[in-house]
Amino acid sequence: MTSHDTVVAYASAWAEPDHARRLAILERCWAAGGVYLDPSSRADGREALCEHIAGFRELLAGHRIELASGIDEHDGYLRFAWTMSAPDGSQVMEGVDFGQLDADGRLKLICGFFGPWPELSRA
């Protein structure tokens, strides 16, 4: 699987409502011991990420997370932008994820950041 295919599969897992199908998607693109981090949560392992996504889908029913950029990758590390849309289609959040791939091309780390880039502070 290319890094592009891996990230596209990962993004599709966030859209999958069925637990078994979501877990099957993650088995293709997420390392068994992979770690997911964002400013509000952490999920260690594939099953924990699957449950985290379920919690997101329950808490923010009808919201969608979609890729908003291409995938920039080198030396097993990658980054990509994403957006979250409300059920009416309006954008409610944007962010960027940084990741690391394992030797099989699966994600073993995603470290996500919410919102636009912070403003540069000139002290």
Protein backbone atom coordinates (compact mmCIF):
# COMPACT_ATOMS: atom_id res chain seq x y z
CA MET A 1 0.00 0.00 0.00
CA THR A 2 1.36 3.46 -0.83
CA SER A 3 1.40 6.18 1.82
CA HIS A 4 -1.44 7.84 -0.11
CA ASP A 5 -3.52 4.64 0.00
CA THR A 6 -2.76 4.22 3.71
CA VAL A 7 -3.93 7.75 4.59
CA VAL A 8 -7.03 7.50 2.38
CA ALA A 9 -7.96 4.22 4.12
CA TYR A 10 -7.33 5.80 7.53
CA ALA A 11 -9.57 8.76 6.64
CA SER A 12 -12.29 6.38 5.44
CA ALA A 13 -12.24 4.66 8.85
CA TRP A 14 -13.47 7.95 10.39
CA ALA A 15 -16.47 7.85 8.04
CA GLU A 16 -17.38 4.19 8.64
CA PRO A 17 -20.33 3.77 11.04
CA ASP A 18 -20.07 -0.01 11.41
CA HIS A 19 -17.59 -1.20 14.05
CA ALA A 20 -16.58 -4.42 12.27
CA ARG A 21 -16.07 -2.69 8.91
CA ARG A 22 -14.17 0.18 10.58
CA LEU A 23 -11.89 -2.32 12.33
CA ALA A 24 -11.32 -4.16 9.03
CA ILE A 25 -10.27 -0.85 7.42
CA LEU A 26 -7.90 -0.14 10.31
CA GLU A 27 -6.38 -3.62 10.02
CA ARG A 28 -5.23 -2.64 6.52
CA CYS A 29 -3.80 0.78 7.39
CA TRP A 30 -3.10 0.95 11.15
CA ALA A 31 -0.32 -0.93 12.96
CA ALA A 32 -1.60 -3.22 15.74
CA GLY A 33 0.23 -1.17 18.38
CA GLY A 34 -0.19 2.19 16.67
CA VAL A 35 -0.66 5.33 18.78
CA TYR A 36 -3.15 8.11 18.03
CA LEU A 37 -2.70 11.47 19.79
CA ASP A 38 -4.60 14.73 19.54
CA PRO A 39 -5.01 17.65 21.96
CA SER A 40 -7.91 15.96 23.75
CA SER A 41 -7.26 12.23 23.56
CA ARG A 42 -4.95 9.29 23.11
CA ALA A 43 -5.67 5.82 21.73
CA ASP A 44 -3.12 3.01 22.04
CA GLY A 45 -3.69 0.19 19.58
CA ARG A 46 -6.04 -0.57 16.73
CA GLU A 47 -9.08 -1.51 18.83
CA ALA A 48 -8.68 1.61 20.98
CA LEU A 49 -8.58 3.80 17.87
CA CYS A 50 -11.68 2.04 16.52
CA GLU A 51 -13.47 2.83 19.80
CA HIS A 52 -12.19 6.42 19.78
CA ILE A 53 -13.64 6.93 16.31
CA ALA A 54 -16.95 5.44 17.51
CA GLY A 55 -16.98 7.95 20.37
CA PHE A 56 -16.34 10.81 17.94
CA ARG A 57 -19.17 9.59 15.70
CA GLU A 58 -21.53 9.38 18.69
CA LEU A 59 -20.57 12.73 20.22
CA LEU A 60 -20.62 14.61 16.91
CA ALA A 61 -23.26 12.66 15.00
CA GLY A 62 -23.42 13.63 11.35
CA HIS A 63 -20.06 15.42 11.34
CA ARG A 64 -17.49 14.36 8.76
CA ILE A 65 -13.72 14.46 8.71
CA GLU A 66 -12.23 14.66 5.23
CA LEU A 67 -8.78 15.08 3.76
CA ALA A 68 -8.06 18.70 2.81
CA SER A 69 -4.62 18.28 1.26
CA GLY A 70 -2.38 15.83 -0.44
CA ILE A 71 -0.06 13.61 1.58
CA ASP A 72 3.48 14.89 2.08
CA GLU A 73 5.79 11.98 2.94
CA HIS A 74 9.49 11.28 3.31
CA ASP A 75 11.57 8.71 5.16
CA GLY A 76 8.49 7.04 6.67
CA TYR A 77 7.02 10.26 8.08
CA LEU A 78 4.04 12.11 6.66
CA ARG A 79 1.67 15.00 7.11
CA PHE A 80 -1.71 15.98 5.73
CA ALA A 81 -4.46 18.50 6.43
CA TRP A 82 -8.08 17.69 7.19
CA THR A 83 -11.36 19.47 7.83
CA MET A 84 -14.39 18.65 9.94
CA SER A 85 -17.79 19.54 8.54
CA ALA A 86 -21.12 19.79 10.35
CA PRO A 87 -24.15 17.91 9.06
CA ASP A 88 -25.19 21.03 7.10
CA GLY A 89 -21.82 21.00 5.28
CA SER A 90 -20.32 24.01 7.04
CA GLN A 91 -16.70 23.68 8.13
CA VAL A 92 -16.37 23.65 11.91
CA MET A 93 -12.70 22.76 12.32
CA GLU A 94 -9.49 22.27 10.44
CA GLY A 95 -6.29 20.62 11.44
CA VAL A 96 -3.12 18.85 10.47
CA ASP A 97 -1.91 15.35 11.28
CA PHE A 98 1.67 14.19 11.39
CA GLY A 99 2.32 10.48 11.16
CA GLN A 100 4.86 7.72 11.00
CA LEU A 101 4.66 4.53 8.96
CA ASP A 102 5.90 1.11 10.00
CA ALA A 103 7.95 -1.19 7.74
CA ASP A 104 4.72 -2.60 6.24
CA GLY A 105 3.42 0.88 5.30
CA ARG A 106 0.80 1.00 8.08
CA LEU A 107 0.43 4.02 10.31
CA LYS A 108 2.10 3.49 13.66
CA LEU A 109 1.66 7.06 14.87
CA ILE A 110 -0.69 9.94 14.22
CA CYS A 111 -0.19 13.16 16.14
CA GLY A 112 -2.99 15.57 15.30
CA PHE A 113 -3.33 19.29 15.84
CA PHE A 114 -6.62 21.22 15.82
CA GLY A 115 -7.26 24.59 14.24
CA PRO A 116 -5.18 26.82 12.00
CA TRP A 117 -1.49 27.41 12.57
CA PRO A 118 -0.89 29.63 15.62
CA GLU A 119 0.06 33.22 14.97
CA LEU A 120 3.74 34.01 15.07
CA SER A 121 4.67 35.79 18.27
CA ARG A 122 7.40 38.37 17.91
CA ALA A 123 8.77 39.03 21.38
